[in-house]
Amino acid sequence: MNNLRNRVNLIGNLGMDPEVKELESGKKFARLSIATSEIYTNSKGEQIKNTEWHNLVAWDHKAVFAEKYLKKGTEIAIEGKLTHRSFDGSDGSKKYITEIVINEFLMLRNTKSAS
């Protein structure tokens, strides 16, 4: 059951074009965000849409693929692991972030961008 520990599976739409950066070592990484939505009916019979945003990180060849093929609005399925990190903000305060490090992803539908 070790393969079920710290595993995240999501399907959603990219909220921005991937931001790709290269480290001094030559290793590339991409930051992405996806929105997942659920629609349910509340006790008054009203349909409610709830959208959650998730921060993603892709490394190496996944980052290169993301940079080349993924754009804002693209629907993707991801499998990854949840990570937490902290850093010092510009105001000196401690900031915390939760991200999903992508192990695998699949482009499901590409939304054409307006040119």
Protein backbone atom coordinates (compact mmCIF):
# COMPACT_ATOMS: atom_id res chain seq x y z
CA MET A 1 0.00 0.00 0.00
CA ASN A 2 3.03 2.33 -0.12
CA ASN A 3 2.01 3.47 -3.60
CA LEU A 4 -1.18 4.96 -2.13
CA ARG A 5 0.61 7.19 0.38
CA ASN A 6 0.72 10.91 -0.40
CA ARG A 7 -0.89 10.55 -3.81
CA VAL A 8 -3.01 13.24 -5.44
CA ASN A 9 -5.09 12.83 -8.62
CA LEU A 10 -6.84 15.85 -10.13
CA ILE A 11 -8.53 16.87 -13.36
CA GLY A 12 -8.87 20.58 -13.99
CA ASN A 13 -8.15 23.55 -16.22
CA LEU A 14 -4.96 25.59 -16.21
CA GLY A 15 -5.44 29.05 -14.78
CA MET A 16 -2.30 30.47 -16.41
CA ASP A 17 0.38 29.63 -18.93
CA PRO A 18 3.17 27.59 -17.28
CA GLU A 19 5.98 29.69 -15.78
CA VAL A 20 9.21 27.86 -16.65
CA LYS A 21 12.56 28.64 -15.04
CA GLU A 22 16.00 27.09 -15.21
CA LEU A 23 18.26 26.59 -12.20
CA GLU A 24 22.01 27.23 -12.34
CA SER A 25 22.46 23.46 -12.61
CA GLY A 26 20.51 23.48 -15.89
CA LYS A 27 17.51 21.71 -14.34
CA LYS A 28 14.16 23.18 -15.47
CA PHE A 29 10.96 23.49 -13.48
CA ALA A 30 7.50 24.84 -14.27
CA ARG A 31 4.91 26.38 -12.00
CA LEU A 32 1.27 25.90 -12.96
CA SER A 33 -2.11 26.29 -11.33
CA ILE A 34 -5.29 24.38 -12.07
CA ALA A 35 -8.87 24.93 -11.07
CA THR A 36 -11.11 22.04 -10.11
CA SER A 37 -14.84 22.60 -9.82
CA GLU A 38 -17.77 20.72 -8.36
CA ILE A 39 -21.45 21.51 -8.71
CA TYR A 40 -23.95 20.47 -6.07
CA THR A 41 -27.49 21.31 -5.05
CA ASN A 42 -27.92 22.89 -1.62
CA SER A 43 -30.84 22.33 0.74
CA LYS A 44 -32.81 25.15 -0.95
CA GLY A 45 -32.55 23.41 -4.34
CA GLU A 46 -30.05 25.95 -5.70
CA GLN A 47 -27.11 24.76 -7.77
CA ILE A 48 -23.82 25.84 -6.26
CA LYS A 49 -20.49 25.77 -8.11
CA ASN A 50 -17.41 25.50 -5.91
CA THR A 51 -13.99 26.05 -7.49
CA GLU A 52 -10.68 25.20 -5.80
CA TRP A 53 -7.24 26.34 -7.04
CA HIS A 54 -4.18 24.10 -6.78
CA ASN A 55 -0.51 25.04 -7.21
CA LEU A 56 1.54 22.56 -9.26
CA VAL A 57 5.24 22.06 -9.96
CA ALA A 58 6.69 20.05 -12.86
CA TRP A 59 10.40 19.18 -13.18
CA ASP A 60 12.77 18.32 -16.05
CA HIS A 61 11.13 16.87 -19.19
CA LYS A 62 7.65 17.49 -17.75
CA ALA A 63 8.50 21.20 -17.45
CA VAL A 64 9.78 21.26 -21.04
CA PHE A 65 6.57 19.58 -22.28
CA ALA A 66 4.42 21.97 -20.23
CA GLU A 67 6.23 24.99 -21.67
CA LYS A 68 5.80 23.74 -25.24
CA TYR A 69 2.22 22.42 -25.20
CA LEU A 70 0.21 23.70 -22.22
CA LYS A 71 -1.61 27.03 -22.20
CA LYS A 72 -4.12 28.77 -19.97
CA GLY A 73 -7.47 26.94 -20.17
CA THR A 74 -6.03 23.54 -21.14
CA GLU A 75 -7.75 20.66 -19.34
CA ILE A 76 -5.24 18.24 -17.79
CA ALA A 77 -5.24 15.22 -15.53
CA ILE A 78 -2.38 15.04 -13.04
CA GLU A 79 -1.00 12.51 -10.58
CA GLY A 80 1.48 13.75 -8.04
CA LYS A 81 2.38 14.19 -4.39
CA LEU A 82 1.53 16.92 -1.91
CA THR A 83 4.44 19.00 -0.62
CA HIS A 84 4.71 21.87 1.86
CA ARG A 85 7.46 24.45 2.08
CA SER A 86 8.12 27.80 3.67
CA PHE A 87 10.11 30.88 2.71
CA ASP A 88 10.73 34.39 3.99
CA GLY A 89 8.52 36.98 2.31
CA SER A 90 9.77 40.38 1.13
CA ASP A 91 8.36 41.87 4.35
CA GLY A 92 10.43 39.44 6.44
CA SER A 93 7.48 37.30 7.52
CA LYS A 94 7.41 33.52 7.12
CA LYS A 95 5.23 32.37 4.20
CA TYR A 96 3.91 28.84 3.70
CA ILE A 97 2.87 27.17 0.48
CA THR A 98 1.35 23.81 -0.42
CA GLU A 99 2.08 22.45 -3.88
CA ILE A 100 1.55 19.27 -5.85
CA VAL A 101 4.71 17.94 -7.47
CA ILE A 102 3.61 16.29 -10.71
CA ASN A 103 4.67 12.70 -11.33
CA GLU A 104 2.53 12.27 -14.45
CA PHE A 105 0.11 14.38 -16.43
CA LEU A 106 -2.08 14.01 -19.46
CA MET A 107 -3.42 16.79 -21.66
CA LEU A 108 -7.13 16.09 -22.07
CA ARG A 109 -8.39 19.07 -24.04
CA ASN A 110 -6.58 22.09 -25.36
CA THR A 111 -8.53 25.35 -25.39
CA LYS A 112 -7.59 27.44 -28.42
CA SER A 113 -6.21 30.79 -27.40
CA ALA A 114 -7.47 33.94 -29.03
CA SER A 115 -4.75 35.46 -31.20
